[in-house]
């Protein structure tokens, strides 16, 4: 997989300052995983769209969790920046 330049962390602090980190990890929650056995006996694996959301992890502060902010950098697929949607889609289409 090619190296991405780095997606800036979308977190904004209470006083309006933007985080200076970049996204280093994405966790998908409630993914639809399927294993199917074909007539020839071989198994295939498929990954569907998440039914819930993604947690983004920052190079500077992890998931920016703190008191009352367990999922401060939580995003739904449609809210991900286009570069991260491309990463998620590219990984989903890989032959695992």
N, C-alpha and C. Protein backbone atom coordinates (compact mmCIF):
# COMPACT_ATOMS: atom_id res chain seq x y z
N UNK A 1 0.85 -1.17 0.00
CA UNK A 1 0.00 0.00 0.00
C UNK A 1 0.90 1.24 0.00
N UNK A 2 0.53 2.24 -0.81
CA UNK A 2 1.35 3.44 -0.88
C UNK A 2 1.24 4.25 0.41
N UNK A 3 2.23 5.09 0.62
CA UNK A 3 2.26 5.91 1.83
C UNK A 3 1.41 7.16 1.60
N UNK A 4 0.49 7.42 2.51
CA UNK A 4 -0.32 8.63 2.44
C UNK A 4 0.45 9.77 3.08
N UNK A 5 0.19 10.99 2.64
CA UNK A 5 0.87 12.16 3.18
C UNK A 5 0.44 12.46 4.61
N UNK A 6 -0.70 11.98 5.02
CA UNK A 6 -1.18 12.22 6.38
C UNK A 6 -2.39 13.13 6.39
N UNK A 7 -3.45 12.61 6.93
CA UNK A 7 -4.69 13.38 7.07
C UNK A 7 -4.64 14.12 8.39
N UNK A 8 -4.84 15.44 8.38
CA UNK A 8 -4.82 16.19 9.64
C UNK A 8 -5.90 15.69 10.59
N UNK A 9 -5.60 15.71 11.86
CA UNK A 9 -6.58 15.35 12.87
C UNK A 9 -7.70 16.40 12.87
N UNK A 10 -8.97 15.98 12.85
CA UNK A 10 -10.07 16.94 12.79
C UNK A 10 -10.46 17.54 14.15
N UNK A 11 -9.80 17.12 15.21
CA UNK A 11 -10.19 17.57 16.55
C UNK A 11 -9.91 19.05 16.73
N UNK A 12 -10.88 19.74 17.33
CA UNK A 12 -10.73 21.16 17.68
C UNK A 12 -10.97 21.29 19.18
N UNK A 13 -10.01 21.90 19.87
CA UNK A 13 -10.12 22.09 21.32
C UNK A 13 -11.21 23.12 21.65
N UNK A 14 -11.65 23.13 22.90
CA UNK A 14 -12.75 23.99 23.35
C UNK A 14 -12.52 25.47 23.03
N UNK A 15 -11.28 25.90 23.06
CA UNK A 15 -10.98 27.31 22.79
C UNK A 15 -10.76 27.59 21.30
N UNK A 16 -11.06 26.59 20.45
CA UNK A 16 -10.99 26.80 19.01
C UNK A 16 -9.67 26.43 18.35
N UNK A 17 -8.69 26.00 19.13
CA UNK A 17 -7.39 25.63 18.57
C UNK A 17 -7.49 24.25 17.92
N UNK A 18 -6.98 24.13 16.69
CA UNK A 18 -7.00 22.85 16.00
C UNK A 18 -5.83 21.99 16.46
N UNK A 19 -6.07 20.69 16.54
CA UNK A 19 -5.00 19.75 16.88
C UNK A 19 -3.96 19.76 15.76
N UNK A 20 -2.70 19.63 16.12
CA UNK A 20 -1.62 19.65 15.12
C UNK A 20 -1.23 18.24 14.65
N UNK A 21 -1.87 17.21 15.19
CA UNK A 21 -1.53 15.84 14.83
C UNK A 21 -2.16 15.41 13.50
N UNK A 22 -1.92 14.15 13.15
CA UNK A 22 -2.51 13.57 11.95
C UNK A 22 -3.05 12.19 12.29
N UNK A 23 -3.94 11.67 11.47
CA UNK A 23 -4.58 10.38 11.73
C UNK A 23 -3.60 9.24 11.47
N UNK A 24 -3.46 8.35 12.46
CA UNK A 24 -2.54 7.23 12.34
C UNK A 24 -3.25 5.87 12.45
N UNK A 25 -4.53 5.88 12.83
CA UNK A 25 -5.27 4.63 13.00
C UNK A 25 -6.76 4.91 12.85
N UNK A 26 -7.47 3.93 12.29
CA UNK A 26 -8.92 4.02 12.15
C UNK A 26 -9.51 2.70 12.64
N UNK A 27 -10.43 2.76 13.59
CA UNK A 27 -11.14 1.57 14.06
C UNK A 27 -12.58 1.65 13.57
N UNK A 28 -13.05 0.56 12.95
CA UNK A 28 -14.44 0.49 12.49
C UNK A 28 -15.25 -0.29 13.52
N UNK A 29 -16.41 0.22 13.87
CA UNK A 29 -17.29 -0.43 14.83
C UNK A 29 -18.49 -1.01 14.12
N UNK A 30 -18.87 -2.21 14.57
CA UNK A 30 -20.03 -2.92 14.02
C UNK A 30 -19.89 -3.18 12.52
N UNK A 31 -18.74 -3.68 12.11
CA UNK A 31 -18.52 -4.05 10.71
C UNK A 31 -19.33 -5.31 10.39
N UNK A 32 -19.74 -5.41 9.16
CA UNK A 32 -20.44 -6.60 8.70
C UNK A 32 -19.39 -7.52 8.06
N UNK A 33 -19.07 -8.63 8.74
CA UNK A 33 -18.09 -9.60 8.25
C UNK A 33 -18.82 -10.87 7.84
N UNK A 34 -18.45 -11.40 6.68
CA UNK A 34 -19.13 -12.59 6.17
C UNK A 34 -18.12 -13.60 5.65
N UNK A 35 -18.30 -14.85 6.05
CA UNK A 35 -17.54 -15.97 5.51
C UNK A 35 -18.54 -16.86 4.77
N UNK A 36 -18.25 -17.17 3.52
CA UNK A 36 -19.16 -18.00 2.72
C UNK A 36 -18.41 -19.20 2.16
N UNK A 37 -19.05 -20.36 2.22
CA UNK A 37 -18.46 -21.58 1.66
C UNK A 37 -19.09 -21.83 0.31
N UNK A 38 -18.28 -21.91 -0.72
CA UNK A 38 -18.74 -22.15 -2.09
C UNK A 38 -18.97 -23.64 -2.31
N UNK A 39 -19.60 -23.98 -3.43
CA UNK A 39 -19.86 -25.38 -3.77
C UNK A 39 -18.59 -26.21 -3.86
N UNK A 40 -17.47 -25.58 -4.24
CA UNK A 40 -16.21 -26.30 -4.35
C UNK A 40 -15.51 -26.49 -3.00
N UNK A 41 -16.13 -26.01 -1.92
CA UNK A 41 -15.58 -26.19 -0.58
C UNK A 41 -14.67 -25.08 -0.11
N UNK A 42 -14.34 -24.13 -0.98
CA UNK A 42 -13.46 -23.03 -0.59
C UNK A 42 -14.27 -21.94 0.11
N UNK A 43 -13.62 -21.34 1.09
CA UNK A 43 -14.26 -20.27 1.84
C UNK A 43 -13.80 -18.92 1.30
N UNK A 44 -14.71 -17.97 1.29
CA UNK A 44 -14.35 -16.59 0.93
C UNK A 44 -14.75 -15.68 2.09
N UNK A 45 -14.10 -14.54 2.15
CA UNK A 45 -14.32 -13.59 3.22
C UNK A 45 -14.68 -12.24 2.61
N UNK A 46 -15.69 -11.58 3.17
CA UNK A 46 -16.09 -10.27 2.68
C UNK A 46 -16.31 -9.33 3.86
N UNK A 47 -15.97 -8.08 3.64
CA UNK A 47 -16.16 -7.05 4.65
C UNK A 47 -17.13 -6.03 4.10
N UNK A 48 -18.24 -5.81 4.80
CA UNK A 48 -19.23 -4.83 4.36
C UNK A 48 -19.01 -3.48 5.01
N UNK A 49 -19.86 -2.55 4.66
CA UNK A 49 -19.81 -1.21 5.26
C UNK A 49 -20.10 -1.31 6.76
N UNK A 50 -19.50 -0.45 7.55
CA UNK A 50 -19.81 -0.45 8.97
C UNK A 50 -21.27 -0.05 9.19
N UNK A 51 -21.89 -0.70 10.14
CA UNK A 51 -23.26 -0.35 10.46
C UNK A 51 -23.31 0.77 11.49
N UNK A 52 -22.17 1.20 11.97
CA UNK A 52 -22.16 2.20 13.01
C UNK A 52 -21.21 3.35 12.66
N UNK A 53 -19.97 3.30 13.13
CA UNK A 53 -19.08 4.45 12.99
C UNK A 53 -17.61 4.05 13.04
N UNK A 54 -16.76 5.04 12.82
CA UNK A 54 -15.32 4.87 12.90
C UNK A 54 -14.77 5.74 14.03
N UNK A 55 -13.72 5.26 14.70
CA UNK A 55 -12.97 6.08 15.65
C UNK A 55 -11.63 6.38 14.98
N UNK A 56 -11.27 7.65 14.98
CA UNK A 56 -10.00 8.08 14.39
C UNK A 56 -9.00 8.30 15.51
N UNK A 57 -7.75 7.90 15.28
CA UNK A 57 -6.71 8.05 16.29
C UNK A 57 -5.62 8.97 15.77
N UNK A 58 -5.25 9.91 16.61
CA UNK A 58 -4.34 10.99 16.28
C UNK A 58 -2.90 10.66 16.71
N UNK A 59 -1.95 11.17 15.95
CA UNK A 59 -0.53 10.96 16.28
C UNK A 59 -0.13 11.67 17.57
N UNK A 60 -0.87 12.69 17.95
CA UNK A 60 -0.53 13.48 19.14
C UNK A 60 -1.27 13.03 20.39
N UNK A 61 -2.56 12.73 20.28
CA UNK A 61 -3.38 12.48 21.46
C UNK A 61 -4.26 11.24 21.37
N UNK A 62 -3.92 10.29 20.55
CA UNK A 62 -4.74 9.08 20.43
C UNK A 62 -6.13 9.42 19.96
N UNK A 63 -7.14 9.05 20.74
CA UNK A 63 -8.52 9.36 20.33
C UNK A 63 -9.06 10.60 21.04
N UNK A 64 -8.21 11.38 21.63
CA UNK A 64 -8.58 12.62 22.34
C UNK A 64 -9.60 12.36 23.44
N UNK A 65 -9.63 11.14 23.98
CA UNK A 65 -10.59 10.81 25.03
C UNK A 65 -10.22 11.51 26.32
N UNK A 66 -11.21 11.82 27.07
CA UNK A 66 -11.02 12.46 28.36
C UNK A 66 -12.35 12.42 29.10
N UNK A 67 -12.45 13.13 30.17
CA UNK A 67 -13.67 13.15 30.95
C UNK A 67 -14.85 13.57 30.07
N UNK A 68 -15.81 12.67 29.95
CA UNK A 68 -17.00 12.95 29.15
C UNK A 68 -16.78 12.94 27.66
N UNK A 69 -15.62 12.46 27.22
CA UNK A 69 -15.30 12.49 25.79
C UNK A 69 -14.69 11.16 25.36
N UNK A 70 -15.39 10.06 25.60
CA UNK A 70 -14.81 8.76 25.28
C UNK A 70 -14.56 8.58 23.78
N UNK A 71 -15.33 9.27 22.95
CA UNK A 71 -15.21 9.09 21.50
C UNK A 71 -15.14 10.45 20.81
N UNK A 72 -14.20 11.28 21.24
CA UNK A 72 -14.11 12.65 20.76
C UNK A 72 -13.86 12.74 19.25
N UNK A 73 -13.23 11.74 18.67
CA UNK A 73 -12.95 11.77 17.24
C UNK A 73 -13.70 10.61 16.56
N UNK A 74 -15.00 10.57 16.76
CA UNK A 74 -15.88 9.56 16.18
C UNK A 74 -16.50 10.16 14.92
N UNK A 75 -16.49 9.39 13.83
CA UNK A 75 -17.08 9.87 12.58
C UNK A 75 -17.85 8.74 11.91
N UNK A 76 -18.93 9.09 11.25
CA UNK A 76 -19.65 8.16 10.39
C UNK A 76 -19.00 8.20 9.01
N UNK A 77 -19.19 7.15 8.21
CA UNK A 77 -18.53 7.07 6.91
C UNK A 77 -18.72 8.34 6.10
N UNK A 78 -19.96 8.81 6.02
CA UNK A 78 -20.24 9.99 5.20
C UNK A 78 -19.56 11.25 5.72
N UNK A 79 -19.10 11.23 6.98
CA UNK A 79 -18.42 12.39 7.56
C UNK A 79 -16.90 12.29 7.52
N UNK A 80 -16.38 11.16 7.04
CA UNK A 80 -14.92 11.02 6.92
C UNK A 80 -14.41 11.92 5.80
N UNK A 81 -13.22 12.49 5.96
CA UNK A 81 -12.62 13.23 4.84
C UNK A 81 -12.44 12.28 3.65
N UNK A 82 -12.52 12.78 2.42
CA UNK A 82 -12.39 11.92 1.24
C UNK A 82 -11.13 11.05 1.25
N UNK A 83 -10.01 11.56 1.76
CA UNK A 83 -8.79 10.76 1.79
C UNK A 83 -8.94 9.54 2.69
N UNK A 84 -9.65 9.68 3.83
CA UNK A 84 -9.84 8.54 4.73
C UNK A 84 -10.89 7.58 4.17
N UNK A 85 -11.90 8.10 3.47
CA UNK A 85 -12.87 7.20 2.81
C UNK A 85 -12.15 6.33 1.79
N UNK A 86 -11.19 6.92 1.09
CA UNK A 86 -10.42 6.16 0.09
C UNK A 86 -9.60 5.06 0.78
N UNK A 87 -9.00 5.37 1.93
CA UNK A 87 -8.22 4.38 2.67
C UNK A 87 -9.13 3.23 3.09
N UNK A 88 -10.28 3.54 3.67
CA UNK A 88 -11.21 2.53 4.15
C UNK A 88 -11.71 1.67 2.99
N UNK A 89 -12.03 2.29 1.87
CA UNK A 89 -12.52 1.57 0.69
C UNK A 89 -11.41 0.70 0.10
N UNK A 90 -10.20 1.23 0.04
CA UNK A 90 -9.07 0.48 -0.52
C UNK A 90 -8.80 -0.75 0.32
N UNK A 91 -8.81 -0.63 1.63
CA UNK A 91 -8.54 -1.76 2.52
C UNK A 91 -9.67 -2.77 2.40
N UNK A 92 -10.91 -2.28 2.30
CA UNK A 92 -12.06 -3.18 2.22
C UNK A 92 -11.99 -4.05 0.97
N UNK A 93 -11.42 -3.52 -0.11
CA UNK A 93 -11.39 -4.27 -1.36
C UNK A 93 -10.16 -5.17 -1.49
N UNK A 94 -9.26 -5.13 -0.50
CA UNK A 94 -8.08 -6.00 -0.54
C UNK A 94 -8.49 -7.45 -0.39
N UNK A 95 -7.76 -8.33 -1.02
CA UNK A 95 -8.03 -9.76 -0.92
C UNK A 95 -7.40 -10.27 0.36
N UNK A 96 -8.22 -10.57 1.35
CA UNK A 96 -7.69 -11.01 2.65
C UNK A 96 -7.60 -12.51 2.73
